Amino acid sequence: MGDNDADAVDFRALIDEFRFSRVLNSNPQTKQISLLGTIKGQDAIVTLEKTHFQFDKVVNNPNSSTLSLHQCESEYSCMNSIQTLKPIANNDIYFWGMSVMKQDLELNPTAKINLIWPATQVHIEKYDKQLCHMVRETPEIYKRIVKPYVDDMVNNGRLQWVQNILYNGAESDRVVFKYFDQESPKDGFVVLPDMKWDGVNMDALYLVAIVHRDDIKSLRDLRPEHQQWLIDMKNKIRSVVPSCYNYLVPADQLRLFIHYQPSYYHFHIHIVNVRHSGLGDGIAVGKAHLIEDVIENLNYMGPEGYMNRTMTYVIGENHHLWKNGLEQELEQQLKDDGIPEPPEITNDFE
């Protein structure tokens, strides 16, 4: 049995031991549900995401000048996989109903499953349904509230998995592209699939580039001196990634962006097919910053770069930064802006 087979057996064994506690979140847009439970007495999070429909490879349409026709010849692709159909209603030329599709683990899987085990309280709070707020993070708030949190996240061992990828060969079979220059080791980076991608549906292509240098934790650490480094990395990614997938996703269909706040504080770039719309808040204003805009903005920010800028972003109430001071800062900001407090909500209209 190979290593991958062993990993698959272990994964299935863990899933079989999952004991459900409650639903953390459910998203009808992204077709995802996150469940909290336990495995061997330790907290675990299972996320299930319905997979996209499978197509045969793109072939030339004789009646079109573009390579845009999807073939539907496989028994598992497109219309051929419909086994049963239950009509719901129809009106004039419109019909709708529900169906059961023929499934196959290799050719037409039902869902992608992610497991986090053992899951920390930080993981649980991240996946749990929560109210979100728009906050303004000034340079002073960053230094007083955010930076101590970043330092704690970096120094408490939670980034060991990143070090394993960069230096210890972890997930080496999944690496799409690795760049390393002995004359300038800090410029190196590794590109591999994000856990959000099933590795099959190219419309949902989602990769991440993790850099070797550890002096940049987030967008806040970027300064004008890093501009050329960002440009070089962007161009390498856009040059190499399309060739890794037979140019099914050309360079001009790759969206490269940076999150703030990020999920982890080791600088990384998200690489996503522009056709991928099921990203939830991961691509929303107040979260994602296009790398081209970041590079351009560094022309006008002065020597301190993003460290000297007020950043406005979305943060959830489960985030430790909200509990560590951003809630109070937002209350004061609203008061300073002259925004009235909302009236007390009541459900009694009598």
Protein backbone atom coordinates (compact mmCIF):
# COMPACT_ATOMS: atom_id res chain seq x y z
CA MET A 1 0.00 0.00 0.00
CA GLY A 2 1.42 3.42 -1.02
CA ASP A 3 1.54 6.50 1.17
CA ASN A 4 -1.49 8.03 -0.52
CA ASP A 5 -3.52 4.85 0.05
CA ALA A 6 -2.51 4.85 3.70
CA ASP A 7 -3.54 8.49 4.03
CA ALA A 8 -6.91 7.70 2.43
CA VAL A 9 -7.52 4.81 4.84
CA ASP A 10 -6.62 7.00 7.82
CA PHE A 11 -8.89 9.80 6.58
CA ARG A 12 -11.84 7.43 6.17
CA ALA A 13 -11.22 5.94 9.60
CA LEU A 14 -11.25 9.40 11.15
CA ILE A 15 -14.46 10.36 9.34
CA ASP A 16 -16.11 7.15 10.55
CA GLU A 17 -15.23 8.10 14.13
CA PHE A 18 -16.71 11.60 13.83
CA ARG A 19 -19.42 12.20 16.43
CA PHE A 20 -21.72 15.08 15.49
CA SER A 21 -22.34 17.92 17.98
CA ARG A 22 -23.88 20.78 16.01
CA VAL A 23 -23.99 22.67 12.72
CA LEU A 24 -21.49 25.52 12.69
CA ASN A 25 -22.59 27.14 9.45
CA SER A 26 -24.43 26.47 6.20
CA ASN A 27 -24.01 28.50 3.01
CA PRO A 28 -26.51 28.01 0.15
CA GLN A 29 -24.38 30.12 -2.22
CA THR A 30 -21.22 28.05 -1.90
CA LYS A 31 -23.17 24.81 -1.25
CA GLN A 32 -21.20 24.21 1.94
CA ILE A 33 -22.02 23.02 5.43
CA SER A 34 -19.61 22.93 8.38
CA LEU A 35 -20.19 20.52 11.25
CA LEU A 36 -18.67 20.46 14.72
CA GLY A 37 -18.10 17.15 16.43
CA THR A 38 -15.47 15.05 18.12
CA ILE A 39 -13.02 12.35 17.07
CA LYS A 40 -11.37 10.33 19.82
CA GLY A 41 -12.65 12.85 22.34
CA GLN A 42 -11.08 15.88 20.59
CA ASP A 43 -12.93 18.64 18.71
CA ALA A 44 -13.19 18.17 14.95
CA ILE A 45 -14.66 20.22 12.11
CA VAL A 46 -15.98 18.57 8.95
CA THR A 47 -16.85 20.78 5.97
CA LEU A 48 -18.80 19.29 3.07
CA GLU A 49 -19.05 21.10 -0.25
CA LYS A 50 -21.12 19.88 -3.18
CA THR A 51 -18.93 19.45 -6.23
CA HIS A 52 -19.41 21.12 -9.56
CA PHE A 53 -20.82 19.23 -12.53
CA GLN A 54 -18.26 17.22 -14.48
CA PHE A 55 -17.61 17.85 -18.15
CA ASP A 56 -15.53 16.12 -20.79
CA LYS A 57 -12.55 18.11 -22.01
CA VAL A 58 -13.15 21.22 -24.06
CA VAL A 59 -13.12 20.51 -27.79
CA ASN A 60 -13.29 22.67 -30.87
CA ASN A 61 -16.78 23.68 -31.92
CA PRO A 62 -16.88 23.57 -35.75
CA ASN A 63 -19.51 26.31 -35.73
CA SER A 64 -17.58 28.62 -33.45
CA SER A 65 -14.27 30.45 -33.61
CA THR A 66 -13.57 29.76 -29.94
CA LEU A 67 -12.81 26.64 -27.92
CA SER A 68 -15.98 26.87 -25.89
CA LEU A 69 -18.03 23.72 -26.45
CA HIS A 70 -18.20 21.21 -23.59
CA GLN A 71 -18.80 17.63 -24.67
CA CYS A 72 -21.34 15.54 -22.73
CA GLU A 73 -20.54 12.02 -23.89
CA SER A 74 -19.58 10.40 -20.56
CA GLU A 75 -22.35 8.67 -18.63
CA TYR A 76 -21.37 10.80 -15.64
CA SER A 77 -21.27 14.21 -17.28
CA CYS A 78 -23.95 16.78 -17.94
CA MET A 79 -27.36 15.48 -18.95
CA ASN A 80 -26.33 11.84 -19.21
CA SER A 81 -26.01 11.44 -15.44
CA ILE A 82 -29.67 12.28 -14.70
CA GLN A 83 -31.25 9.13 -13.25
CA THR A 84 -34.61 10.33 -11.96
CA LEU A 85 -36.50 13.59 -12.43
CA LYS A 86 -39.36 15.01 -10.36
CA PRO A 87 -41.16 18.00 -11.94
CA ILE A 88 -42.00 20.89 -9.63
CA ALA A 89 -43.87 23.29 -11.91
CA ASN A 90 -43.91 24.92 -15.31
CA ASN A 91 -45.11 28.22 -16.72
CA ASP A 92 -45.14 28.97 -20.44
CA ILE A 93 -41.63 28.12 -21.68
CA TYR A 94 -40.15 27.61 -18.19
CA PHE A 95 -39.88 24.24 -16.43
CA TRP A 96 -38.18 23.30 -13.17
CA GLY A 97 -37.77 20.20 -11.08
CA MET A 98 -35.50 18.08 -8.88
CA SER A 99 -33.29 15.21 -9.98
CA VAL A 100 -30.98 12.48 -8.74
CA MET A 101 -27.65 12.30 -10.58
CA LYS A 102 -25.56 9.20 -11.13
CA GLN A 103 -22.48 9.33 -8.93
CA ASP A 104 -18.98 7.88 -9.18
CA LEU A 105 -16.11 8.58 -6.79
CA GLU A 106 -13.59 9.21 -9.57
CA LEU A 107 -15.74 10.57 -12.40
CA ASN A 108 -18.61 12.33 -10.64
CA PRO A 109 -18.17 12.60 -6.84
CA THR A 110 -21.00 14.07 -4.81
CA ALA A 111 -19.05 16.27 -2.43
CA LYS A 112 -15.62 17.40 -1.30
CA ILE A 113 -14.88 16.79 2.39
CA ASN A 114 -12.42 18.75 4.55
CA LEU A 115 -11.46 17.71 8.07
CA ILE A 116 -9.71 19.73 10.76
CA TRP A 117 -8.67 17.53 13.69
CA PRO A 118 -7.83 18.26 16.40
CA ALA A 119 -9.60 21.61 15.94
CA THR A 120 -8.65 24.51 18.20
CA GLN A 121 -11.05 27.10 19.57
CA VAL A 122 -9.71 29.50 16.93
CA HIS A 123 -10.78 27.07 14.19
CA ILE A 124 -14.23 26.65 15.71
CA GLU A 125 -14.76 30.39 15.99
CA LYS A 126 -13.63 30.89 12.39
CA TYR A 127 -16.13 28.39 10.97
CA ASP A 128 -19.00 29.21 13.34
CA LYS A 129 -21.82 31.43 12.11
CA GLN A 130 -21.31 34.97 13.36
CA LEU A 131 -22.29 38.59 12.96
CA CYS A 132 -19.76 40.71 11.07
CA HIS A 133 -18.87 44.39 11.27
CA MET A 134 -16.95 46.97 9.23
CA VAL A 135 -14.06 48.38 11.27
CA ARG A 136 -11.40 51.00 10.60
CA GLU A 137 -7.95 49.93 11.71
CA THR A 138 -5.69 52.95 12.09
CA PRO A 139 -1.90 52.55 12.32
CA GLU A 140 -2.22 53.25 16.06
CA ILE A 141 -4.88 50.55 16.52
CA TYR A 142 -2.72 48.12 14.57
CA LYS A 143 0.28 48.68 16.83
CA ARG A 144 -1.75 48.59 20.04
CA ILE A 145 -4.26 45.78 19.36
CA VAL A 146 -3.48 43.87 16.18
CA LYS A 147 0.30 43.48 16.23
CA PRO A 148 0.41 41.78 19.67
CA TYR A 149 -2.18 39.31 18.35
CA VAL A 150 -0.12 38.71 15.18
CA ASP A 151 3.04 38.14 17.22
CA ASP A 152 1.21 35.64 19.42
CA MET A 153 -0.16 33.75 16.41
CA VAL A 154 3.32 33.58 14.85
CA ASN A 155 5.23 32.58 17.97
CA ASN A 156 2.94 29.95 19.48
CA GLY A 157 3.66 27.23 16.91
CA ARG A 158 0.46 27.57 14.90
CA LEU A 159 2.45 28.09 11.69
CA GLN A 160 4.38 24.83 11.91
CA TRP A 161 2.33 23.46 9.02
CA VAL A 162 3.63 26.32 6.84
CA GLN A 163 7.22 25.50 7.78
CA ASN A 164 6.52 21.85 6.98
CA ILE A 165 5.44 22.80 3.45
CA LEU A 166 8.36 25.15 2.83
CA TYR A 167 11.20 23.15 4.36
CA ASN A 168 10.15 19.66 5.47
CA GLY A 169 8.56 18.23 2.33
CA ALA A 170 4.98 18.21 3.59
CA GLU A 171 2.38 18.00 0.79
CA SER A 172 5.23 17.70 -1.72
CA ASP A 173 3.05 15.57 -4.01
CA ARG A 174 0.59 18.47 -4.28
CA VAL A 175 3.08 21.22 -5.12
CA VAL A 176 2.28 22.81 -8.48
CA PHE A 177 5.32 25.05 -8.75
CA LYS A 178 8.33 25.81 -6.58
CA TYR A 179 10.64 28.78 -7.13
CA PHE A 180 13.95 29.00 -5.29
CA ASP A 181 17.01 31.12 -6.07
CA GLN A 182 20.15 30.23 -4.09
CA GLU A 183 21.48 33.74 -4.57
CA SER A 184 18.31 35.20 -3.06
CA PRO A 185 16.57 32.52 -0.95
CA LYS A 186 14.09 34.95 0.57
CA ASP A 187 12.54 35.51 -2.87
CA GLY A 188 11.43 31.88 -3.12
CA PHE A 189 7.84 30.67 -2.92
CA VAL A 190 5.76 27.52 -3.29
CA VAL A 191 2.45 27.23 -5.18
CA LEU A 192 0.03 24.46 -4.26
CA PRO A 193 -3.74 23.85 -4.33
CA ASP A 194 -5.79 25.49 -1.63
CA MET A 195 -7.86 23.08 0.44
CA LYS A 196 -10.99 24.80 -0.94
CA TRP A 197 -10.33 23.34 -4.42
CA ASP A 198 -11.23 19.77 -5.35
CA GLY A 199 -8.33 19.61 -7.83
CA VAL A 200 -10.65 18.66 -10.70
CA ASN A 201 -12.99 21.48 -11.68
CA MET A 202 -10.86 24.07 -13.49
CA ASP A 203 -13.60 26.70 -13.25
CA ALA A 204 -13.03 26.60 -9.49
CA LEU A 205 -9.20 26.59 -9.68
CA TYR A 206 -7.88 27.85 -6.35
CA LEU A 207 -4.16 27.88 -5.56
CA VAL A 208 -2.07 29.62 -2.95
CA ALA A 209 1.51 30.90 -3.18
CA ILE A 210 3.36 30.77 0.16
CA VAL A 211 6.57 32.79 0.32
CA HIS A 212 9.84 31.69 1.93
CA ARG A 213 10.62 35.00 3.59
CA ASP A 214 9.24 35.36 7.10
CA ASP A 215 9.66 39.10 7.62
CA ILE A 216 6.31 39.82 5.95
CA LYS A 217 3.35 38.59 7.97
CA SER A 218 0.54 40.44 6.21
CA LEU A 219 -0.38 43.34 3.96
CA ARG A 220 0.63 45.68 6.79
CA ASP A 221 4.32 44.80 6.36
CA LEU A 222 4.51 45.75 2.67
CA ARG A 223 6.58 48.81 1.80
CA PRO A 224 7.76 50.41 -1.47
CA GLU A 225 10.97 48.37 -1.26
CA HIS A 226 8.86 45.20 -1.73
CA GLN A 227 7.21 46.45 -4.91
CA GLN A 228 9.61 44.81 -7.38
CA TRP A 229 9.51 41.55 -5.41
CA LEU A 230 5.72 41.52 -5.73
CA ILE A 231 5.90 42.30 -9.44
CA ASP A 232 8.39 39.50 -10.08
CA MET A 233 6.34 37.00 -8.10
CA LYS A 234 3.12 38.01 -9.84
CA ASN A 235 4.70 37.61 -13.27
CA LYS A 236 6.24 34.23 -12.41
CA ILE A 237 2.88 32.94 -11.19
CA ARG A 238 1.02 34.20 -14.26
CA SER A 239 3.69 32.72 -16.54
CA VAL A 240 3.96 29.26 -14.97
CA VAL A 241 0.54 28.35 -13.56
CA PRO A 242 -1.31 28.26 -16.92
CA SER A 243 1.25 25.82 -18.34
CA CYS A 244 0.75 23.53 -15.33
CA TYR A 245 -2.87 23.03 -16.41
CA ASN A 246 -2.43 22.83 -20.17
CA TYR A 247 -3.46 26.49 -20.52
CA LEU A 248 -7.09 25.70 -19.67
CA VAL A 249 -6.87 28.82 -17.51
CA PRO A 250 -4.75 31.48 -19.27
CA ALA A 251 -2.81 34.17 -17.45
CA ASP A 252 -5.46 36.85 -17.96
CA GLN A 253 -8.04 34.64 -16.24
CA LEU A 254 -6.10 34.36 -12.99
CA ARG A 255 -7.17 36.60 -10.13
CA LEU A 256 -4.33 37.19 -7.64
CA PHE A 257 -5.22 38.77 -4.32
CA ILE A 258 -4.18 39.14 -0.68
CA HIS A 259 -6.47 38.87 2.33
CA TYR A 260 -6.58 41.31 5.23
CA GLN A 261 -7.05 40.11 7.87
CA PRO A 262 -5.50 36.85 6.63
CA SER A 263 -6.29 33.39 7.99
CA TYR A 264 -2.64 32.95 9.00
CA TYR A 265 0.20 35.42 9.41
CA HIS A 266 2.77 34.20 6.92
CA PHE A 267 2.55 36.14 3.66
CA HIS A 268 0.69 34.30 0.92
CA ILE A 269 -1.13 35.12 -2.31
CA HIS A 270 -4.43 33.61 -3.43
CA ILE A 271 -4.58 32.49 -7.09
CA VAL A 272 -8.11 31.89 -8.39
CA ASN A 273 -9.88 31.41 -11.71
CA VAL A 274 -11.90 34.57 -12.45
CA ARG A 275 -14.85 32.31 -13.27
CA HIS A 276 -14.96 31.08 -9.68
CA SER A 277 -17.89 32.92 -8.10
CA GLY A 278 -18.43 30.63 -5.11
CA LEU A 279 -15.83 32.26 -2.89
CA GLY A 280 -18.19 33.77 -0.32
CA ASP A 281 -16.59 36.67 1.53
CA GLY A 282 -13.13 35.54 0.41
CA ILE A 283 -13.32 37.80 -2.64
CA ALA A 284 -15.42 40.56 -1.07
CA VAL A 285 -14.55 44.22 -0.68
CA GLY A 286 -13.17 44.61 2.81
CA LYS A 287 -11.27 41.32 2.62
CA ALA A 288 -9.51 40.79 -0.72
CA HIS A 289 -6.92 43.18 -2.20
CA LEU A 290 -5.88 42.62 -5.82
CA ILE A 291 -2.12 42.30 -6.08
CA GLU A 292 -2.05 44.81 -8.96
CA ASP A 293 -3.77 47.39 -6.74
CA VAL A 294 -1.38 46.65 -3.88
CA ILE A 295 1.62 47.17 -6.15
CA GLU A 296 0.16 50.43 -7.49
CA ASN A 297 -0.76 51.73 -4.03
CA LEU A 298 2.83 51.35 -2.84
CA ASN A 299 3.74 54.20 -5.21
CA TYR A 300 1.79 56.68 -3.07
CA MET A 301 2.10 55.53 0.55
CA GLY A 302 5.51 56.83 1.54
CA PRO A 303 8.38 54.81 3.02
CA GLU A 304 6.18 53.10 5.65
CA GLY A 305 3.83 51.66 3.01
CA TYR A 306 0.74 49.90 4.36
CA MET A 307 1.96 50.34 7.94
CA ASN A 308 0.99 54.00 7.68
CA ARG A 309 -2.48 53.46 6.22
CA THR A 310 -5.91 53.17 7.83
CA MET A 311 -7.39 49.83 6.74
CA THR A 312 -11.15 49.24 6.62
CA TYR A 313 -12.25 45.62 6.64
CA VAL A 314 -14.89 43.13 7.75
CA ILE A 315 -14.40 41.22 10.99
CA GLY A 316 -16.61 38.67 12.70
CA GLU A 317 -17.60 38.75 16.35
CA ASN A 318 -15.91 35.38 16.91
CA HIS A 319 -12.51 36.73 15.90
CA HIS A 320 -10.12 37.28 18.79
CA LEU A 321 -9.32 40.78 17.52
CA TRP A 322 -12.97 41.74 17.97
CA LYS A 323 -12.89 40.53 21.55
CA ASN A 324 -9.44 41.99 22.22
CA GLY A 325 -10.41 45.59 21.57
CA LEU A 326 -11.84 46.18 18.09
CA GLU A 327 -15.41 46.10 19.42
CA GLN A 328 -14.68 49.01 21.75
CA GLU A 329 -12.77 50.85 19.02
CA LEU A 330 -15.73 50.53 16.63
CA GLU A 331 -18.14 51.85 19.26
CA GLN A 332 -15.93 54.90 19.72
CA GLN A 333 -15.54 55.40 15.96
CA LEU A 334 -19.31 55.38 15.45
CA LYS A 335 -19.69 57.92 18.26
CA ASP A 336 -16.96 60.15 16.79
CA ASP A 337 -18.63 59.93 13.36
CA GLY A 338 -21.93 61.08 14.85
CA ILE A 339 -23.70 57.81 14.03
CA PRO A 340 -26.66 57.38 16.40
CA GLU A 341 -27.00 54.18 18.38
CA PRO A 342 -29.70 51.84 17.04
CA PRO A 343 -32.98 51.79 18.98
CA GLU A 344 -33.74 48.90 21.27
CA ILE A 345 -35.25 46.06 19.26
CA THR A 346 -38.56 44.65 20.41
CA ASN A 347 -40.75 41.88 19.05
CA ASP A 348 -43.83 43.06 20.97
CA PHE A 349 -45.92 45.30 18.72
CA GLU A 350 -48.97 45.44 21.02
